[in-house]
Amino acid sequence: MRAITVQDRAAGVDGLTLTEVPHPHAAENDVIVRVHAAGFTPGELDWPATWTDRAGRDRTPSIPGHELSGVVAELGYGTTGLTVGQRVFGLADWARNGSLAEYTAVEARNLAPLAADIDHTVAAALVISGLTAWQGLFDHAHLTTGQSVLIHGAAGGVGSLAVQLARDAGARVIGTGRAADRAAVLGRGAQAFLDLDADDLRDAGEVDVVFDVIGGDVLERSTALVRPGGTLVSIAEPPTVQPSGGRAVFFVVEPDRVRLADLAERVRAGRLTPVIGAVGPLSETASAFARRTRPRGRTIIRVVEEPASPPV
């Protein structure tokens, strides 16, 4: 099968190549997925798990990418709950070969069924961004109706879904970004917008929750905005200072089949829309990784081109 592989950690993005690799093996409780669409995180070539397995052993050449949508092609021994030919989407294990391939092995528990009316590209864009937004807002910050939340990077893949989920939960939402992001952020349900280049973050006032996807100075300045009893959540880097009377949390997204199914139902109901920044073929993955200026939203790789719909 064809896959994007990387052999040399020092080469970074320049080491990404499209090559032929052996078909993956389905271990116990695994599913082999025929990947139709996949996503990646630009910084994952710096992650230790990209290069070694859970025991610390070298596993190069590695296949990056971890979010995927596709069709079940094979079931491993003992796998239950899914069937061959079923549409699925989910999150591949961090320390195993990933989704930027024609086939990949995934633990069945990390996959959720995908309805026929959700495009694979949309589903792939929902996985990491949707789970991260939900887990940050509700599992870690415990956001509830009537509370206020400041969401940094509110026009991006994670931030845009966080805005929609927080507003749907009945929270007051303040989004941040660049000036060009204002209309998009407000259009997705934020009640207020702050320009990170021109506005003072203190104009947000005290909030119950800060959701940070940027880190650095933005994260540091946000600590003072958390009211007593509130929470600052970051996926960019561990906060170095705890809010006065509150708490700070750093987390890495975890697979969750039940939550993925819930997010997909929200998409079907029109209550949630992932932001897709760019879509390209498997052969252009290296250039997508290397892109310095990234479009808003997730970059998705179409591994399989869907057949055109018949004329009506």
C-alpha atoms as a PDB file:
ATOM      1  CA  MET A   1       0.000   0.000   0.000  1.00  0.00           C
ATOM      2  CA  ARG A   2       1.005   3.652  -0.313  1.00  0.00           C
ATOM      3  CA  ALA A   3       1.785   5.723   2.760  1.00  0.00           C
ATOM      4  CA  ILE A   4       3.562   8.867   3.875  1.00  0.00           C
ATOM      5  CA  THR A   5       6.631   7.813   5.852  1.00  0.00           C
ATOM      6  CA  VAL A   6       9.453   9.543   7.674  1.00  0.00           C
ATOM      7  CA  GLN A   7      12.724   7.831   8.494  1.00  0.00           C
ATOM      8  CA  ASP A   8      15.098  10.513   9.761  1.00  0.00           C
ATOM      9  CA  ARG A   9      14.082  12.685  12.706  1.00  0.00           C
ATOM     10  CA  ALA A  10      16.758  15.246  11.887  1.00  0.00           C
ATOM     11  CA  ALA A  11      15.337  15.725   8.386  1.00  0.00           C
ATOM     12  CA  GLY A  12      11.960  16.818   9.732  1.00  0.00           C
ATOM     13  CA  VAL A  13       9.406  17.705   7.073  1.00  0.00           C
ATOM     14  CA  ASP A  14      12.008  17.220   4.334  1.00  0.00           C
ATOM     15  CA  GLY A  15      12.105  13.552   5.272  1.00  0.00           C
ATOM     16  CA  LEU A  16       8.431  12.916   4.455  1.00  0.00           C
ATOM     17  CA  THR A  17       8.024  10.687   1.408  1.00  0.00           C
ATOM     18  CA  LEU A  18       5.214   8.847  -0.335  1.00  0.00           C
ATOM     19  CA  THR A  19       6.274   5.234  -0.619  1.00  0.00           C
ATOM     20  CA  GLU A  20       5.122   1.627  -0.738  1.00  0.00           C
ATOM     21  CA  VAL A  21       4.976  -0.099   2.661  1.00  0.00           C
ATOM     22  CA  PRO A  22       3.639  -3.450   3.887  1.00  0.00           C
ATOM     23  CA  HIS A  23      -0.068  -3.804   4.606  1.00  0.00           C
ATOM     24  CA  PRO A  24      -0.700  -3.335   8.367  1.00  0.00           C
ATOM     25  CA  HIS A  25      -1.318  -6.301  10.655  1.00  0.00           C
ATOM     26  CA  ALA A  26      -4.531  -6.438  12.679  1.00  0.00           C
ATOM     27  CA  ALA A  27      -3.621  -7.277  16.276  1.00  0.00           C
ATOM     28  CA  GLU A  28      -6.163  -8.485  18.811  1.00  0.00           C
ATOM     29  CA  ASN A  29      -9.097  -6.032  19.096  1.00  0.00           C
ATOM     30  CA  ASP A  30      -7.775  -4.053  16.115  1.00  0.00           C
ATOM     31  CA  VAL A  31      -9.555  -2.857  13.009  1.00  0.00           C
ATOM     32  CA  ILE A  32      -7.861  -2.309   9.653  1.00  0.00           C
ATOM     33  CA  VAL A  33      -9.404   0.818   8.168  1.00  0.00           C
ATOM     34  CA  ARG A  34      -9.327   1.692   4.483  1.00  0.00           C
ATOM     35  CA  VAL A  35      -8.552   5.370   4.996  1.00  0.00           C
ATOM     36  CA  HIS A  36     -10.575   7.833   2.930  1.00  0.00           C
ATOM     37  CA  ALA A  37      -9.566  11.069   4.693  1.00  0.00           C
ATOM     38  CA  ALA A  38      -6.905  11.829   7.271  1.00  0.00           C
ATOM     39  CA  GLY A  39      -5.597  14.725   9.301  1.00  0.00           C
ATOM     40  CA  PHE A  40      -2.307  15.603  10.962  1.00  0.00           C
ATOM     41  CA  THR A  41      -0.890  17.983  13.552  1.00  0.00           C
ATOM     42  CA  PRO A  42       1.924  20.172  12.155  1.00  0.00           C
ATOM     43  CA  GLY A  43       4.188  19.647  15.165  1.00  0.00           C
ATOM     44  CA  GLU A  44       3.889  15.890  15.437  1.00  0.00           C
ATOM     45  CA  LEU A  45       7.288  15.229  13.883  1.00  0.00           C
ATOM     46  CA  ASP A  46       8.690  16.632  17.153  1.00  0.00           C
ATOM     47  CA  TRP A  47       6.721  14.198  19.335  1.00  0.00           C
ATOM     48  CA  PRO A  48       8.740  11.320  20.856  1.00  0.00           C
ATOM     49  CA  ALA A  49       5.874   8.907  20.088  1.00  0.00           C
ATOM     50  CA  THR A  50       6.302   9.574  16.371  1.00  0.00           C
ATOM     51  CA  TRP A  51       9.667   7.840  16.526  1.00  0.00           C
ATOM     52  CA  THR A  52       9.379   5.165  19.221  1.00  0.00           C
ATOM     53  CA  ASP A  53       6.786   2.725  20.510  1.00  0.00           C
ATOM     54  CA  ARG A  54       5.485   2.678  24.081  1.00  0.00           C
ATOM     55  CA  ALA A  55       8.517   0.668  25.201  1.00  0.00           C
ATOM     56  CA  GLY A  56      10.891   3.279  23.774  1.00  0.00           C
ATOM     57  CA  ARG A  57      12.001   1.136  20.832  1.00  0.00           C
ATOM     58  CA  ASP A  58      12.691   2.748  17.467  1.00  0.00           C
ATOM     59  CA  ARG A  59       9.814   2.238  15.045  1.00  0.00           C
ATOM     60  CA  THR A  60      11.003   4.107  11.967  1.00  0.00           C
ATOM     61  CA  PRO A  61      10.048   4.429   9.213  1.00  0.00           C
ATOM     62  CA  SER A  62       7.000   5.975  10.844  1.00  0.00           C
ATOM     63  CA  ILE A  63       3.664   6.895   9.313  1.00  0.00           C
ATOM     64  CA  PRO A  64       2.371  10.180  10.815  1.00  0.00           C
ATOM     65  CA  GLY A  65      -1.204  11.448  11.114  1.00  0.00           C
ATOM     66  CA  HIS A  66      -3.725  10.315  13.712  1.00  0.00           C
ATOM     67  CA  GLU A  67      -7.243  11.423  12.791  1.00  0.00           C
ATOM     68  CA  LEU A  68      -9.000   9.415  10.127  1.00  0.00           C
ATOM     69  CA  SER A  69     -12.274   8.535   8.480  1.00  0.00           C
ATOM     70  CA  GLY A  70     -12.816   5.505   6.294  1.00  0.00           C
ATOM     71  CA  VAL A  71     -14.281   2.032   5.967  1.00  0.00           C
ATOM     72  CA  VAL A  72     -13.558  -1.117   7.974  1.00  0.00           C
ATOM     73  CA  ALA A  73     -11.565  -3.500   5.760  1.00  0.00           C
ATOM     74  CA  GLU A  74     -10.589  -6.196   8.260  1.00  0.00           C
ATOM     75  CA  LEU A  75     -11.231  -7.193  11.880  1.00  0.00           C
ATOM     76  CA  GLY A  76      -8.549  -8.484  14.221  1.00  0.00           C
ATOM     77  CA  TYR A  77      -9.079 -11.461  16.512  1.00  0.00           C
ATOM     78  CA  GLY A  78     -11.630 -10.713  19.220  1.00  0.00           C
ATOM     79  CA  THR A  79     -12.822  -7.450  17.706  1.00  0.00           C
ATOM     80  CA  THR A  80     -16.510  -6.786  18.324  1.00  0.00           C
ATOM     81  CA  GLY A  81     -18.930  -3.928  17.755  1.00  0.00           C
ATOM     82  CA  LEU A  82     -17.854  -3.135  14.198  1.00  0.00           C
ATOM     83  CA  THR A  83     -18.273  -4.929  10.875  1.00  0.00           C
ATOM     84  CA  VAL A  84     -16.364  -5.141   7.606  1.00  0.00           C
ATOM     85  CA  GLY A  85     -17.641  -2.494   5.197  1.00  0.00           C
ATOM     86  CA  GLN A  86     -18.832  -0.165   7.969  1.00  0.00           C
ATOM     87  CA  ARG A  87     -18.019   3.547   7.778  1.00  0.00           C
ATOM     88  CA  VAL A  88     -16.018   4.709  10.822  1.00  0.00           C
ATOM     89  CA  PHE A  89     -13.937   7.624  12.069  1.00  0.00           C
ATOM     90  CA  GLY A  90     -11.641   8.116  15.016  1.00  0.00           C
ATOM     91  CA  LEU A  91      -8.207   8.575  16.497  1.00  0.00           C
ATOM     92  CA  ALA A  92      -5.189   6.348  15.815  1.00  0.00           C
ATOM     93  CA  ASP A  93      -2.831   5.583  18.688  1.00  0.00           C
ATOM     94  CA  TRP A  94      -0.040   8.140  19.189  1.00  0.00           C
ATOM     95  CA  ALA A  95       2.704   5.486  19.393  1.00  0.00           C
ATOM     96  CA  ARG A  96       1.680   3.412  16.354  1.00  0.00           C
ATOM     97  CA  ASN A  97       1.713   4.090  12.645  1.00  0.00           C
ATOM     98  CA  GLY A  98      -0.886   6.671  11.794  1.00  0.00           C
ATOM     99  CA  SER A  99      -3.500   7.622   9.274  1.00  0.00           C
ATOM    100  CA  LEU A 100      -1.575   9.082   6.318  1.00  0.00           C
ATOM    101  CA  ALA A 101      -1.772   5.779   4.492  1.00  0.00           C
ATOM    102  CA  GLU A 102      -4.204   3.791   2.399  1.00  0.00           C
ATOM    103  CA  TYR A 103      -4.764   1.396   5.309  1.00  0.00           C
ATOM    104  CA  THR A 104      -4.087   1.713   9.020  1.00  0.00           C
ATOM    105  CA  ALA A 105      -4.543  -0.448  12.119  1.00  0.00           C
ATOM    106  CA  VAL A 106      -6.592   1.143  14.905  1.00  0.00           C
ATOM    107  CA  GLU A 107      -7.929  -0.189  18.182  1.00  0.00           C
ATOM    108  CA  ALA A 108     -11.658  -0.734  17.695  1.00  0.00           C
ATOM    109  CA  ARG A 109     -12.485   1.194  20.876  1.00  0.00           C
ATOM    110  CA  ASN A 110     -10.959   4.338  19.314  1.00  0.00           C
ATOM    111  CA  LEU A 111     -13.402   4.320  16.397  1.00  0.00           C
ATOM    112  CA  ALA A 112     -17.028   5.405  16.161  1.00  0.00           C
ATOM    113  CA  PRO A 113     -19.592   4.531  13.476  1.00  0.00           C
ATOM    114  CA  LEU A 114     -20.043   7.231  10.835  1.00  0.00           C
ATOM    115  CA  ALA A 115     -23.403   7.957   9.238  1.00  0.00           C
ATOM    116  CA  ALA A 116     -23.625   7.818   5.444  1.00  0.00           C
ATOM    117  CA  ASP A 117     -24.611  11.487   5.198  1.00  0.00           C
ATOM    118  CA  ILE A 118     -21.377  12.812   6.762  1.00  0.00           C
ATOM    119  CA  ASP A 119     -18.517  13.209   4.306  1.00  0.00           C
ATOM    120  CA  HIS A 120     -15.235  11.559   5.241  1.00  0.00           C
ATOM    121  CA  THR A 121     -13.444  14.913   4.966  1.00  0.00           C
ATOM    122  CA  VAL A 122     -15.794  16.468   7.521  1.00  0.00           C
ATOM    123  CA  ALA A 123     -15.462  13.491   9.839  1.00  0.00           C
ATOM    124  CA  ALA A 124     -11.661  13.559   9.758  1.00  0.00           C
ATOM    125  CA  ALA A 125     -11.708  17.276  10.588  1.00  0.00           C
ATOM    126  CA  LEU A 126     -13.968  16.596  13.565  1.00  0.00           C
ATOM    127  CA  VAL A 127     -11.854  14.035  15.415  1.00  0.00           C
ATOM    128  CA  ILE A 128      -8.997  15.828  17.178  1.00  0.00           C
ATOM    129  CA  SER A 129     -10.548  19.301  17.078  1.00  0.00           C
ATOM    130  CA  GLY A 130     -13.921  18.127  18.349  1.00  0.00           C
ATOM    131  CA  LEU A 131     -12.589  15.892  21.107  1.00  0.00           C
ATOM    132  CA  THR A 132     -10.089  18.537  22.207  1.00  0.00           C
ATOM    133  CA  ALA A 133     -12.734  21.257  22.346  1.00  0.00           C
ATOM    134  CA  TRP A 134     -15.158  19.072  24.307  1.00  0.00           C
ATOM    135  CA  GLN A 135     -12.608  17.683  26.746  1.00  0.00           C
ATOM    136  CA  GLY A 136     -11.115  21.109  27.422  1.00  0.00           C
ATOM    137  CA  LEU A 137     -14.416  22.861  28.013  1.00  0.00           C
ATOM    138  CA  PHE A 138     -16.397  20.212  29.845  1.00  0.00           C
ATOM    139  CA  ASP A 139     -14.164  17.389  31.121  1.00  0.00           C
ATOM    140  CA  HIS A 140     -11.398  19.667  32.427  1.00  0.00           C
ATOM    141  CA  ALA A 141     -12.948  23.134  32.906  1.00  0.00           C
ATOM    142  CA  HIS A 142     -16.461  21.884  33.776  1.00  0.00           C
ATOM    143  CA  LEU A 143     -18.111  24.737  31.884  1.00  0.00           C
ATOM    144  CA  THR A 144     -21.820  25.068  32.632  1.00  0.00           C
ATOM    145  CA  THR A 145     -24.804  27.119  31.463  1.00  0.00           C
ATOM    146  CA  GLY A 146     -24.570  30.789  32.389  1.00  0.00           C
ATOM    147  CA  GLN A 147     -20.800  30.835  32.808  1.00  0.00           C
ATOM    148  CA  SER A 148     -18.386  32.867  30.691  1.00  0.00           C
ATOM    149  CA  VAL A 149     -15.513  31.517  28.590  1.00  0.00           C
ATOM    150  CA  LEU A 150     -12.676  33.229  26.745  1.00  0.00           C
ATOM    151  CA  ILE A 151     -11.524  31.116  23.778  1.00  0.00           C
ATOM    152  CA  HIS A 152      -8.190  31.981  22.185  1.00  0.00           C
ATOM    153  CA  GLY A 153      -7.649  31.154  18.522  1.00  0.00           C
ATOM    154  CA  ALA A 154     -11.406  31.041  18.078  1.00  0.00           C
ATOM    155  CA  ALA A 155     -11.281  30.874  14.275  1.00  0.00           C
ATOM    156  CA  GLY A 156      -9.084  27.777  14.120  1.00  0.00           C
ATOM    157  CA  GLY A 157      -9.929  24.097  14.021  1.00  0.00           C
ATOM    158  CA  VAL A 158     -10.198  23.586  17.785  1.00  0.00           C
ATOM    159  CA  GLY A 159     -11.240  27.113  18.707  1.00  0.00           C
ATOM    160  CA  SER A 160     -14.128  27.316  16.242  1.00  0.00           C
ATOM    161  CA  LEU A 161     -15.636  24.078  17.571  1.00  0.00           C
ATOM    162  CA  ALA A 162     -15.087  25.252  21.151  1.00  0.00           C
ATOM    163  CA  VAL A 163     -17.043  28.425  20.362  1.00  0.00           C
ATOM    164  CA  GLN A 164     -19.951  26.420  18.955  1.00  0.00           C
ATOM    165  CA  LEU A 165     -20.001  23.882  21.794  1.00  0.00           C
ATOM    166  CA  ALA A 166     -19.761  26.532  24.507  1.00  0.00           C
ATOM    167  CA  ARG A 167     -22.537  28.625  22.983  1.00  0.00           C
ATOM    168  CA  ASP A 168     -24.707  25.519  22.562  1.00  0.00           C
ATOM    169  CA  ALA A 169     -24.186  24.812  26.274  1.00  0.00           C
ATOM    170  CA  GLY A 170     -25.555  28.248  27.167  1.00  0.00           C
ATOM    171  CA  ALA A 171     -22.259  29.934  28.072  1.00  0.00           C
ATOM    172  CA  ARG A 172     -21.275  33.511  27.269  1.00  0.00           C
ATOM    173  CA  VAL A 173     -18.480  33.232  24.714  1.00  0.00           C
ATOM    174  CA  ILE A 174     -15.674  35.697  24.008  1.00  0.00           C
ATOM    175  CA  GLY A 175     -13.396  34.724  21.114  1.00  0.00           C
ATOM    176  CA  THR A 176      -9.962  36.038  20.235  1.00  0.00           C
ATOM    177  CA  GLY A 177      -7.974  36.061  17.014  1.00  0.00           C
ATOM    178  CA  ARG A 178      -6.735  38.411  14.312  1.00  0.00           C
ATOM    179  CA  ALA A 179      -8.844  41.227  12.894  1.00  0.00           C
ATOM    180  CA  ALA A 180      -9.748  39.160   9.829  1.00  0.00           C
ATOM    181  CA  ASP A 181     -11.251  36.484  12.087  1.00  0.00           C
ATOM    182  CA  ARG A 182     -13.882  38.710  13.701  1.00  0.00           C
ATOM    183  CA  ALA A 183     -16.817  37.992  11.393  1.00  0.00           C
ATOM    184  CA  ALA A 184     -16.198  34.239  11.364  1.00  0.00           C
ATOM    185  CA  VAL A 185     -15.942  34.004  15.159  1.00  0.00           C
ATOM    186  CA  LEU A 186     -19.044  36.094  15.788  1.00  0.00           C
ATOM    187  CA  GLY A 187     -20.872  34.166  13.067  1.00  0.00           C
ATOM    188  CA  ARG A 188     -20.253  30.910  14.935  1.00  0.00           C
ATOM    189  CA  GLY A 189     -21.883  32.184  18.082  1.00  0.00           C
ATOM    190  CA  ALA A 190     -19.408  34.229  20.112  1.00  0.00           C
ATOM    191  CA  GLN A 191     -21.012  37.243  21.746  1.00  0.00           C
ATOM    192  CA  ALA A 192     -17.795  39.268  21.713  1.00  0.00           C
ATOM    193  CA  PHE A 193     -14.441  39.291  19.913  1.00  0.00           C
ATOM    194  CA  LEU A 194     -11.016  40.608  20.903  1.00  0.00           C
ATOM    195  CA  ASP A 195      -8.299  41.344  18.341  1.00  0.00           C
ATOM    196  CA  LEU A 196      -5.043  39.940  19.741  1.00  0.00           C
ATOM    197  CA  ASP A 197      -3.056  42.566  17.841  1.00  0.00           C
ATOM    198  CA  ALA A 198      -5.088  45.624  18.804  1.00  0.00           C
ATOM    199  CA  ASP A 199      -7.294  44.982  21.840  1.00  0.00           C
ATOM    200  CA  ASP A 200      -6.456  44.622  25.524  1.00  0.00           C
ATOM    201  CA  LEU A 201      -7.260  41.153  26.860  1.00  0.00           C
ATOM    202  CA  ARG A 202      -8.376  42.794  30.093  1.00  0.00           C
ATOM    203  CA  ASP A 203     -11.401  44.080  28.174  1.00  0.00           C
ATOM    204  CA  ALA A 204     -12.787  40.552  28.502  1.00  0.00           C
ATOM    205  CA  GLY A 205     -13.172  41.099  32.241  1.00  0.00           C
ATOM    206  CA  GLU A 206     -13.090  38.151  34.614  1.00  0.00           C
ATOM    207  CA  VAL A 207     -14.278  34.875  33.139  1.00  0.00           C
ATOM    208  CA  ASP A 208     -15.029  31.427  34.506  1.00  0.00           C
ATOM    209  CA  VAL A 209     -12.962  29.619  31.886  1.00  0.00           C
ATOM    210  CA  VAL A 210     -10.069  30.469  29.585  1.00  0.00           C
ATOM    211  CA  PHE A 211      -9.458  27.970  26.765  1.00  0.00           C
ATOM    212  CA  ASP A 212      -5.991  28.532  25.282  1.00  0.00           C
ATOM    213  CA  VAL A 213      -4.624  27.043  22.050  1.00  0.00           C
ATOM    214  CA  ILE A 214      -1.815  29.584  21.551  1.00  0.00           C
ATOM    215  CA  GLY A 215       0.476  29.547  24.595  1.00  0.00           C
ATOM    216  CA  GLY A 216       3.319  31.976  25.240  1.00  0.00           C
ATOM    217  CA  ASP A 217       2.498  35.540  26.202  1.00  0.00           C
ATOM    218  CA  VAL A 218      -1.226  35.086  25.483  1.00  0.00           C
ATOM    219  CA  LEU A 219      -1.403  32.213  27.956  1.00  0.00           C
ATOM    220  CA  GLU A 220       0.574  34.114  30.565  1.00  0.00           C
ATOM    221  CA  ARG A 221      -1.588  37.238  30.326  1.00  0.00           C
ATOM    222  CA  SER A 222      -4.768  35.167  30.519  1.00  0.00           C
ATOM    223  CA  THR A 223      -4.029  33.900  34.024  1.00  0.00           C
ATOM    224  CA  ALA A 224      -5.196  37.174  35.585  1.00  0.00           C
ATOM    225  CA  LEU A 225      -8.568  36.944  33.782  1.00  0.00           C
ATOM    226  CA  VAL A 226      -9.735  33.782  35.566  1.00  0.00           C
ATOM    227  CA  ARG A 227     -12.103  34.585  38.401  1.00  0.00           C
ATOM    228  CA  PRO A 228     -11.810  32.741  41.752  1.00  0.00           C
ATOM    229  CA  GLY A 229     -13.025  29.177  41.317  1.00  0.00           C
ATOM    230  CA  GLY A 230     -12.433  29.313  37.569  1.00  0.00           C
ATOM    231  CA  THR A 231     -10.167  27.308  35.277  1.00  0.00           C
ATOM    232  CA  LEU A 232      -7.517  28.057  32.677  1.00  0.00           C
ATOM    233  CA  VAL A 233      -7.152  25.189  30.196  1.00  0.00           C
ATOM    234  CA  SER A 234      -4.307  25.037  27.680  1.00  0.00           C
ATOM    235  CA  ILE A 235      -3.432  22.583  24.925  1.00  0.00           C
ATOM    236  CA  ALA A 236      -0.413  24.634  23.813  1.00  0.00           C
ATOM    237  CA  GLU A 237       1.881  24.259  26.827  1.00  0.00           C
ATOM    238  CA  PRO A 238       1.675  23.677  30.594  1.00  0.00           C
ATOM    239  CA  PRO A 239       0.750  26.934  32.379  1.00  0.00           C
ATOM    240  CA  THR A 240       3.533  28.118  34.668  1.00  0.00           C
ATOM    241  CA  VAL A 241       1.276  30.146  36.997  1.00  0.00           C
ATOM    242  CA  GLN A 242      -1.968  29.148  38.685  1.00  0.00           C
ATOM    243  CA  PRO A 243      -4.824  31.687  38.590  1.00  0.00           C
ATOM    244  CA  SER A 244      -5.493  33.313  41.950  1.00  0.00           C
ATOM    245  CA  GLY A 245      -8.202  31.235  43.589  1.00  0.00           C
ATOM    246  CA  GLY A 246      -8.526  29.070  40.490  1.00  0.00           C
ATOM    247  CA  ARG A 247      -6.625  26.328  38.714  1.00  0.00           C
ATOM    248  CA  ALA A 248      -4.681  25.772  35.507  1.00  0.00           C
ATOM    249  CA  VAL A 249      -4.781  22.584  33.417  1.00  0.00           C
ATOM    250  CA  PHE A 250      -2.735  21.273  30.510  1.00  0.00           C
ATOM    251  CA  PHE A 251      -3.985  18.187  28.700  1.00  0.00           C
ATOM    252  CA  VAL A 252      -3.519  16.009  25.644  1.00  0.00           C
ATOM    253  CA  VAL A 253      -6.638  14.827  23.838  1.00  0.00           C
ATOM    254  CA  GLU A 254      -7.754  11.237  24.441  1.00  0.00           C
ATOM    255  CA  PRO A 255      -9.830   8.882  22.265  1.00  0.00           C
ATOM    256  CA  ASP A 256     -13.510   8.667  23.192  1.00  0.00           C
ATOM    257  CA  ARG A 257     -15.888   6.630  21.029  1.00  0.00           C
ATOM    258  CA  VAL A 258     -19.041   7.798  22.831  1.00  0.00           C
ATOM    259  CA  ARG A 259     -18.132  11.467  22.509  1.00  0.00           C
ATOM    260  CA  LEU A 260     -17.219  11.078  18.836  1.00  0.00           C
ATOM    261  CA  ALA A 261     -20.659   9.622  18.177  1.00  0.00           C
ATOM    262  CA  ASP A 262     -22.248  12.553  20.002  1.00  0.00           C
ATOM    263  CA  LEU A 263     -20.215  15.094  18.028  1.00  0.00           C
ATOM    264  CA  ALA A 264     -21.199  13.423  14.766  1.00  0.00           C
ATOM    265  CA  GLU A 265     -24.875  13.662  15.716  1.00  0.00           C
ATOM    266  CA  ARG A 266     -24.424  17.364  16.389  1.00  0.00           C
ATOM    267  CA  VAL A 267     -22.941  17.733  12.901  1.00  0.00           C
ATOM    268  CA  ARG A 268     -25.911  15.899  11.380  1.00  0.00           C
ATOM    269  CA  ALA A 269     -28.327  18.136  13.299  1.00  0.00           C
ATOM    270  CA  GLY A 270     -26.607  21.304  12.055  1.00  0.00           C
ATOM    271  CA  ARG A 271     -25.464  22.278  15.563  1.00  0.00           C
ATOM    272  CA  LEU A 272     -21.753  21.843  14.880  1.00  0.00           C
ATOM    273  CA  THR A 273     -19.632  22.593  11.818  1.00  0.00           C
ATOM    274  CA  PRO A 274     -15.921  21.756  11.638  1.00  0.00           C
ATOM    275  CA  VAL A 275     -13.766  24.329   9.898  1.00  0.00           C
ATOM    276  CA  ILE A 276     -11.767  22.797   7.043  1.00  0.00           C
ATOM    277  CA  GLY A 277      -8.899  25.007   5.950  1.00  0.00           C
ATOM    278  CA  ALA A 278      -7.507  23.031   3.014  1.00  0.00           C
ATOM    279  CA  VAL A 279      -7.919  19.640   1.350  1.00  0.00           C
ATOM    280  CA  GLY A 280      -5.261  17.894  -0.719  1.00  0.00           C
ATOM    281  CA  PRO A 281      -4.238  14.456  -2.008  1.00  0.00           C
ATOM    282  CA  LEU A 282      -1.858  12.065  -0.263  1.00  0.00           C
ATOM    283  CA  SER A 283       0.897  13.012  -2.698  1.00  0.00           C
ATOM    284  CA  GLU A 284       0.866  16.617  -1.405  1.00  0.00           C
ATOM    285  CA  THR A 285       1.149  15.779   2.295  1.00  0.00           C
ATOM    286  CA  ALA A 286       4.762  16.918   2.615  1.00  0.00           C
ATOM    287  CA  SER A 287       3.974  20.358   1.221  1.00  0.00           C
ATOM    288  CA  ALA A 288       0.949  20.604   3.525  1.00  0.00           C
ATOM    289  CA  PHE A 289       3.186  19.875   6.540  1.00  0.00           C
ATOM    290  CA  ALA A 290       5.737  22.428   5.382  1.00  0.00           C
ATOM    291  CA  ARG A 291       3.264  25.237   4.679  1.00  0.00           C
ATOM    292  CA  ARG A 292       4.305  28.304   6.682  1.00  0.00           C
ATOM    293  CA  THR A 293       1.036  30.167   6.404  1.00  0.00           C
ATOM    294  CA  ARG A 294      -1.847  27.875   7.260  1.00  0.00           C
ATOM    295  CA  PRO A 295      -5.481  28.443   6.381  1.00  0.00           C
ATOM    296  CA  ARG A 296      -7.965  28.612   9.243  1.00  0.00           C
ATOM    297  CA  GLY A 297      -9.204  25.204  10.310  1.00  0.00           C
ATOM    298  CA  ARG A 298      -7.957  21.681   9.771  1.00  0.00           C
ATOM    299  CA  THR A 299      -5.893  20.603   6.782  1.00  0.00           C
ATOM    300  CA  ILE A 300      -7.303  17.299   5.532  1.00  0.00           C
ATOM    301  CA  ILE A 301      -5.676  14.778   3.212  1.00  0.00           C
ATOM    302  CA  ARG A 302      -8.015  12.899   0.854  1.00  0.00           C
ATOM    303  CA  VAL A 303      -6.512   9.443   0.597  1.00  0.00           C
ATOM    304  CA  VAL A 304      -9.382   8.153  -1.531  1.00  0.00           C
ATOM    305  CA  GLU A 305     -11.148  10.420  -3.983  1.00  0.00           C
ATOM    306  CA  GLU A 306     -14.880   9.956  -3.605  1.00  0.00           C
ATOM    307  CA  PRO A 307     -16.831   9.169  -6.783  1.00  0.00           C
ATOM    308  CA  ALA A 308     -18.842  12.066  -8.132  1.00  0.00           C
ATOM    309  CA  SER A 309     -22.527  12.063  -7.293  1.00  0.00           C
ATOM    310  CA  PRO A 310     -24.809  11.073 -10.184  1.00  0.00           C
ATOM    311  CA  PRO A 311     -26.722  13.915 -11.840  1.00  0.00           C
ATOM    312  CA  VAL A 312     -30.120  14.619 -10.366  1.00  0.00           C
END
